[in-house]
């Protein structure tokens, strides 16, 4: 199996300096690419000068995470794509368990490794942790991370299981499946496009796995920090896009209405906490949703999986029942 590690970069020279050497050292099985999203720093020149074995793809503009990978992967010949953030530290033998799983499980289309926090290595990291799920209203959560509560890694999630979504921070996918699904939805730009892609894969009968024997460490927030209002806007908007595209039609409108009510409550909480920019970000997300609803609706596939969610409401479980730990 030909494997390509593809690192999407935008003005990330310092991250490439820090993490690219380890990726090269621990990835002898792979061809390594840096896909540059029209950086204005010296990222490309730095890689050319210091890592001649790394192949470089230069996109014409900053297409975001979704469009950036869609553009770049047109130029990558491999059986497996490993889409890796530039702020990921890999570990020895991180690729072997992934490759073996793909070889032994032909129905498995997408895999996520264990993702721990680079800044606090005993804990799971926000973006993916030990595998992702969503609730009935499209709110994502992970084994090891529910909202802002992160669990310590005590080996409690060292079993390989089927999951609903794999983190875009370190995302393995069979190339034929990626192209069968037409890649990420570039309308998302960034945030939750990996969940949308996973949901579309599941709707077609593919399997997504978490493989804990592969371990990586993620810095997180290297492009948009967690408290950035633009991040809030994209997360709320894209979640509504994703529900529109993938929910079973029988429950689509009811679920969208209830989700938007919950969004409104979240907006009022932002106001109460003195964060008016985040309140406005949710308003902008909803206006964008209205504007592009018909476009997203037309993207719906022929089949939507009925039983897609792990719990009815992770908001209720977390904030009302104080359920801060993933329940199997």
Protein backbone atom coordinates (compact mmCIF):
# COMPACT_ATOMS: atom_id res chain seq x y z
CA UNK A 1 0.00 0.00 0.00
CA UNK A 2 1.39 3.38 -1.04
CA UNK A 3 0.91 5.87 1.76
CA UNK A 4 1.25 9.64 1.47
CA UNK A 5 1.55 11.90 4.50
CA UNK A 6 0.17 15.26 3.41
CA UNK A 7 0.71 18.28 5.67
CA UNK A 8 -1.43 21.31 4.83
CA UNK A 9 0.48 24.49 5.58
CA UNK A 10 -0.43 28.15 5.77
CA UNK A 11 2.23 30.49 7.14
CA UNK A 12 3.45 27.72 9.42
CA UNK A 13 7.21 27.84 9.01
CA UNK A 14 7.83 27.68 12.77
CA UNK A 15 5.57 24.61 13.08
CA UNK A 16 7.31 22.91 10.16
CA UNK A 17 10.67 23.62 11.77
CA UNK A 18 9.44 22.04 15.00
CA UNK A 19 7.49 19.00 13.77
CA UNK A 20 8.52 18.07 10.22
CA UNK A 21 11.84 16.45 11.25
CA UNK A 22 10.03 13.95 13.50
CA UNK A 23 7.49 13.14 10.79
CA UNK A 24 10.33 12.40 8.38
CA UNK A 25 12.21 10.34 10.98
CA UNK A 26 9.23 8.17 11.95
CA UNK A 27 7.58 7.76 8.52
CA UNK A 28 9.91 5.62 6.39
CA UNK A 29 6.89 3.85 4.86
CA UNK A 30 5.45 7.08 3.44
CA UNK A 31 6.04 9.74 0.84
CA UNK A 32 5.78 13.10 2.59
CA UNK A 33 4.16 16.16 1.03
CA UNK A 34 3.75 19.72 2.21
CA UNK A 35 0.67 21.25 0.57
CA UNK A 36 1.02 25.01 0.86
CA UNK A 37 -2.11 27.17 0.93
CA UNK A 38 -0.53 30.29 -0.61
CA UNK A 39 1.61 31.15 2.40
CA UNK A 40 3.14 34.61 2.62
CA UNK A 41 5.98 33.54 4.93
CA UNK A 42 9.08 31.54 3.96
CA UNK A 43 7.54 28.10 4.56
CA UNK A 44 8.09 26.77 1.05
CA UNK A 45 11.65 28.06 0.76
CA UNK A 46 12.47 26.61 4.18
CA UNK A 47 11.21 23.13 3.27
CA UNK A 48 13.02 23.18 -0.10
CA UNK A 49 16.28 24.20 1.52
CA UNK A 50 16.19 21.82 4.48
CA UNK A 51 14.13 18.78 3.48
CA UNK A 52 14.77 17.91 -0.19
CA UNK A 53 13.00 14.54 0.20
CA UNK A 54 9.69 16.28 0.96
CA UNK A 55 7.49 16.95 -2.05
CA UNK A 56 5.85 20.36 -2.26
CA UNK A 57 2.43 21.22 -3.69
CA UNK A 58 1.59 24.90 -4.01
CA UNK A 59 -2.07 25.92 -4.07
CA UNK A 60 -2.94 29.13 -5.90
CA UNK A 61 -4.83 30.60 -2.93
CA UNK A 62 -5.70 29.92 0.70
CA UNK A 63 -8.60 27.55 0.18
CA UNK A 64 -8.90 26.69 3.87
CA UNK A 65 -8.66 23.16 5.23
CA UNK A 66 -11.36 21.66 3.02
CA UNK A 67 -10.55 23.27 -0.30
CA UNK A 68 -6.82 23.17 0.38
CA UNK A 69 -6.77 19.40 0.69
CA UNK A 70 -9.16 18.97 -2.24
CA UNK A 71 -6.77 20.93 -4.45
CA UNK A 72 -3.60 19.30 -3.17
CA UNK A 73 -4.77 15.68 -3.26
CA UNK A 74 -5.39 15.90 -6.99
CA UNK A 75 -1.59 15.81 -7.23
CA UNK A 76 -0.92 12.90 -4.83
CA UNK A 77 -0.68 9.31 -6.08
CA UNK A 78 -1.22 6.94 -3.15
CA UNK A 79 -3.53 4.21 -1.87
CA UNK A 80 -3.79 5.83 1.56
CA UNK A 81 -3.79 9.50 2.51
CA UNK A 82 -2.60 10.59 5.96
CA UNK A 83 -3.82 14.17 6.35
CA UNK A 84 -1.74 15.64 9.15
CA UNK A 85 -1.88 19.11 10.69
CA UNK A 86 1.38 21.01 10.79
CA UNK A 87 1.12 21.15 14.62
CA UNK A 88 1.17 17.37 15.08
CA UNK A 89 4.07 15.51 16.73
CA UNK A 90 4.14 11.86 15.66
CA UNK A 91 5.72 8.98 17.55
CA UNK A 92 7.78 5.93 16.60
CA UNK A 93 5.80 3.28 14.68
CA UNK A 94 2.75 5.53 14.36
CA UNK A 95 2.00 4.32 10.84
CA UNK A 96 2.26 0.52 11.18
CA UNK A 97 -0.97 -0.06 13.19
CA UNK A 98 -2.89 2.11 10.74
CA UNK A 99 -1.55 0.32 7.66
CA UNK A 100 -2.21 -3.09 9.22
CA UNK A 101 -5.81 -2.15 10.01
CA UNK A 102 -6.43 -1.01 6.44
CA UNK A 103 -4.87 -4.25 5.12
CA UNK A 104 -6.87 -6.52 7.42
CA UNK A 105 -10.19 -4.66 7.30
CA UNK A 106 -11.20 -3.86 3.71
CA UNK A 107 -14.47 -2.22 4.81
CA UNK A 108 -12.63 0.29 7.01
CA UNK A 109 -12.34 3.51 5.02
CA UNK A 110 -11.16 6.07 7.58
CA UNK A 111 -8.97 5.79 10.70
CA UNK A 112 -7.98 8.09 13.54
CA UNK A 113 -5.07 7.47 15.94
CA UNK A 114 -5.03 8.35 19.63
CA UNK A 115 -4.60 12.12 19.87
CA UNK A 116 -3.02 13.46 23.05
CA UNK A 117 -2.28 17.05 24.08
CA UNK A 118 1.19 18.21 23.09
CA UNK A 119 1.17 20.78 25.92
CA UNK A 120 0.01 18.27 28.54
CA UNK A 121 0.93 14.85 27.24
CA UNK A 122 -0.90 12.78 29.84
CA UNK A 123 -4.25 14.16 28.65
CA UNK A 124 -6.36 13.71 25.54
CA UNK A 125 -6.46 16.61 23.11
CA UNK A 126 -9.59 18.54 22.22
CA UNK A 127 -9.63 17.84 18.47
CA UNK A 128 -10.39 14.13 18.31
CA UNK A 129 -9.10 12.59 21.55
CA UNK A 130 -10.00 8.87 21.34
CA UNK A 131 -12.53 9.09 18.52
CA UNK A 132 -15.52 11.24 17.69
CA UNK A 133 -19.30 10.94 17.96
CA UNK A 134 -22.25 13.33 17.63
CA UNK A 135 -25.56 13.68 19.40
CA UNK A 136 -29.04 13.95 17.89
CA UNK A 137 -28.59 17.69 17.28
CA UNK A 138 -25.20 17.49 15.64
CA UNK A 139 -23.06 18.51 18.62
CA UNK A 140 -19.72 16.69 18.36
CA UNK A 141 -17.90 15.09 21.29
CA UNK A 142 -15.20 12.49 21.79
CA UNK A 143 -14.15 9.63 23.96
CA UNK A 144 -11.84 11.50 26.28
CA UNK A 145 -13.28 14.97 25.58
CA UNK A 146 -16.79 16.30 26.12
CA UNK A 147 -17.11 20.03 25.45
CA UNK A 148 -14.15 21.57 27.34
CA UNK A 149 -13.61 18.67 29.76
CA UNK A 150 -10.52 16.64 28.87
CA UNK A 151 -9.78 13.28 30.45
CA UNK A 152 -6.39 12.00 31.49
CA UNK A 153 -5.22 9.03 29.42
CA UNK A 154 -5.20 6.12 31.85
CA UNK A 155 -5.57 3.49 29.15
CA UNK A 156 -9.37 3.60 29.44
CA UNK A 157 -9.73 3.98 25.66
CA UNK A 158 -7.05 1.57 24.50
CA UNK A 159 -9.54 -0.57 22.58
CA UNK A 160 -9.98 -0.16 18.84
CA UNK A 161 -13.63 0.59 18.06
CA UNK A 162 -15.88 1.94 15.32
CA UNK A 163 -16.42 5.68 15.71
CA UNK A 164 -18.61 8.24 13.97
CA UNK A 165 -15.96 10.75 12.98
CA UNK A 166 -12.18 10.97 12.83
CA UNK A 167 -10.31 14.15 13.64
CA UNK A 168 -9.03 16.25 10.76
CA UNK A 169 -5.89 16.88 12.82
CA UNK A 170 -4.65 13.39 11.90
CA UNK A 171 -6.99 11.75 9.40
CA UNK A 172 -6.27 8.56 7.45
CA UNK A 173 -8.47 7.66 4.47
CA UNK A 174 -8.32 5.33 1.49
CA UNK A 175 -7.74 7.53 -1.55
CA UNK A 176 -10.45 5.82 -3.60
CA UNK A 177 -13.02 6.57 -0.88
CA UNK A 178 -11.88 10.18 -0.62
CA UNK A 179 -12.44 10.70 -4.33
CA UNK A 180 -15.65 8.63 -4.37
CA UNK A 181 -17.01 11.14 -1.82
CA UNK A 182 -15.58 14.10 -3.81
CA UNK A 183 -13.39 14.97 -0.85
CA UNK A 184 -14.23 17.57 1.75
CA UNK A 185 -17.02 20.06 1.17
CA UNK A 186 -15.10 23.21 0.27
CA UNK A 187 -18.08 25.39 1.31
CA UNK A 188 -17.15 24.55 4.91
CA UNK A 189 -13.71 26.24 4.48
CA UNK A 190 -12.61 25.00 7.92
CA UNK A 191 -14.15 23.19 10.92
CA UNK A 192 -16.37 20.11 10.92
CA UNK A 193 -15.69 19.26 7.29
CA UNK A 194 -14.13 16.00 8.50
CA UNK A 195 -17.32 15.13 10.40
CA UNK A 196 -19.36 15.81 7.27
CA UNK A 197 -17.05 13.62 5.19
CA UNK A 198 -17.25 10.81 7.75
CA UNK A 199 -21.04 11.05 7.89
CA UNK A 200 -21.25 10.81 4.09
CA UNK A 201 -18.93 7.78 4.20
CA UNK A 202 -21.11 6.09 6.82
CA UNK A 203 -24.22 6.79 4.75
CA UNK A 204 -22.56 4.78 1.96
CA UNK A 205 -21.82 1.87 4.30
CA UNK A 206 -18.15 2.54 5.06
CA UNK A 207 -16.58 2.03 8.49
CA UNK A 208 -14.52 4.50 10.55
CA UNK A 209 -12.15 3.22 13.21
CA UNK A 210 -10.12 4.48 16.15
CA UNK A 211 -6.72 2.75 16.42
CA UNK A 212 -5.07 3.50 19.81
CA UNK A 213 -1.74 1.80 19.05
CA UNK A 214 -0.92 4.78 16.87
CA UNK A 215 -0.25 7.84 19.05
CA UNK A 216 0.25 11.48 18.07
CA UNK A 217 0.40 14.75 20.02
CA UNK A 218 -1.52 17.83 18.85
CA UNK A 219 -0.81 21.46 19.77
CA UNK A 220 -4.28 22.64 18.71
CA UNK A 221 -5.54 26.12 17.82
CA UNK A 222 -2.50 26.86 15.67
CA UNK A 223 -4.59 28.53 12.94
CA UNK A 224 -7.65 29.79 14.84
CA UNK A 225 -7.53 29.89 18.63
CA UNK A 226 -10.40 28.32 20.59
CA UNK A 227 -11.74 31.72 21.68
CA UNK A 228 -11.76 33.25 18.19
CA UNK A 229 -15.25 34.47 17.12
CA UNK A 230 -14.55 33.36 13.53
CA UNK A 231 -14.06 29.83 14.85
CA UNK A 232 -17.41 30.09 16.66
CA UNK A 233 -19.11 31.26 13.47
CA UNK A 234 -17.67 28.46 11.34
CA UNK A 235 -18.48 25.77 13.89
CA UNK A 236 -22.13 26.81 14.26
CA UNK A 237 -22.65 27.44 10.53
CA UNK A 238 -20.97 24.26 9.37
CA UNK A 239 -22.83 22.13 11.89
CA UNK A 240 -26.12 23.34 10.39
CA UNK A 241 -24.79 22.68 6.88
CA UNK A 242 -23.81 19.16 7.93
CA UNK A 243 -27.21 18.38 9.44
CA UNK A 244 -28.96 19.66 6.31
CA UNK A 245 -26.87 17.40 4.10
CA UNK A 246 -26.92 14.21 6.15
CA UNK A 247 -29.95 13.92 8.45
CA UNK A 248 -32.73 11.47 7.57
CA UNK A 249 -35.42 13.51 5.83
CA UNK A 250 -38.13 12.41 8.28
CA UNK A 251 -36.37 14.21 11.15
CA UNK A 252 -34.54 16.97 9.26
CA UNK A 253 -36.71 20.04 9.89
CA UNK A 254 -37.64 19.22 13.47
CA UNK A 255 -33.99 18.61 14.35
CA UNK A 256 -32.82 21.80 12.61
CA UNK A 257 -35.43 23.86 14.50
CA UNK A 258 -34.44 22.42 17.88
CA UNK A 259 -30.76 22.81 17.10
CA UNK A 260 -31.25 26.48 16.25
CA UNK A 261 -33.12 27.00 19.53
CA UNK A 262 -30.13 25.49 21.35
CA UNK A 263 -27.83 27.77 19.36
CA UNK A 264 -29.91 30.73 20.52
CA UNK A 265 -29.47 29.65 24.14
CA UNK A 266 -25.72 29.36 23.55
CA UNK A 267 -25.75 32.88 22.11
CA UNK A 268 -27.50 34.27 25.20
CA UNK A 269 -24.90 32.52 27.37
CA UNK A 270 -22.15 34.29 25.43
CA UNK A 271 -23.89 37.61 26.08
CA UNK A 272 -24.24 36.82 29.78
CA UNK A 273 -20.51 36.04 29.92
CA UNK A 274 -19.65 39.39 28.30
CA UNK A 275 -18.73 37.91 24.92
CA UNK A 276 -20.87 39.87 22.43
CA UNK A 277 -18.60 39.02 19.49
CA UNK A 278 -19.41 35.32 19.92
CA UNK A 279 -23.13 36.13 20.14
CA UNK A 280 -22.82 38.01 16.84
CA UNK A 281 -20.84 35.09 15.40
CA UNK A 282 -23.81 32.76 16.01
CA UNK A 283 -26.15 35.29 14.37
CA UNK A 284 -23.85 35.45 11.34
CA UNK A 285 -23.74 31.64 11.24
CA UNK A 286 -27.53 31.44 11.16
CA UNK A 287 -27.88 34.09 8.46
CA UNK A 288 -25.31 32.21 6.36
CA UNK A 289 -27.28 29.02 6.93
CA UNK A 290 -30.48 30.65 5.63
CA UNK A 291 -28.59 32.04 2.65
CA UNK A 292 -27.09 28.71 1.63
CA UNK A 293 -29.76 26.27 2.81
CA UNK A 294 -31.00 25.33 -0.68
CA UNK A 295 -27.45 24.80 -1.94
CA UNK A 296 -26.64 22.45 0.97
CA UNK A 297 -29.99 20.65 0.65
CA UNK A 298 -29.23 19.80 -2.99
CA UNK A 299 -26.07 17.97 -1.84
CA UNK A 300 -28.05 15.33 0.05
CA UNK A 301 -27.18 11.78 -0.94
CA UNK A 302 -29.60 9.03 -1.86
CA UNK A 303 -29.46 7.44 1.58
CA UNK A 304 -29.21 8.76 5.14
CA UNK A 305 -28.37 6.44 8.01
CA UNK A 306 -31.15 6.44 10.62
CA UNK A 307 -29.23 5.53 13.79
CA UNK A 308 -26.27 7.87 13.62
CA UNK A 309 -26.02 9.41 17.09
CA UNK A 310 -24.52 8.19 20.35
CA UNK A 311 -26.77 10.10 22.80
CA UNK A 312 -29.93 12.17 22.40
CA UNK A 313 -28.41 15.37 23.74
CA UNK A 314 -24.83 15.77 24.89
CA UNK A 315 -25.81 19.30 26.02
CA UNK A 316 -28.34 17.83 28.48
CA UNK A 317 -25.97 15.05 29.55
CA UNK A 318 -23.10 17.46 30.20
CA UNK A 319 -24.74 20.60 31.57
CA UNK A 320 -27.78 19.13 33.38
CA UNK A 321 -26.68 15.63 34.40
CA UNK A 322 -23.02 16.66 34.85
CA UNK A 323 -21.89 13.83 32.60
CA UNK A 324 -18.32 14.84 31.87
CA UNK A 325 -16.95 11.39 31.00
CA UNK A 326 -17.75 9.32 27.90
CA UNK A 327 -20.17 6.48 28.64
CA UNK A 328 -19.71 3.36 26.52
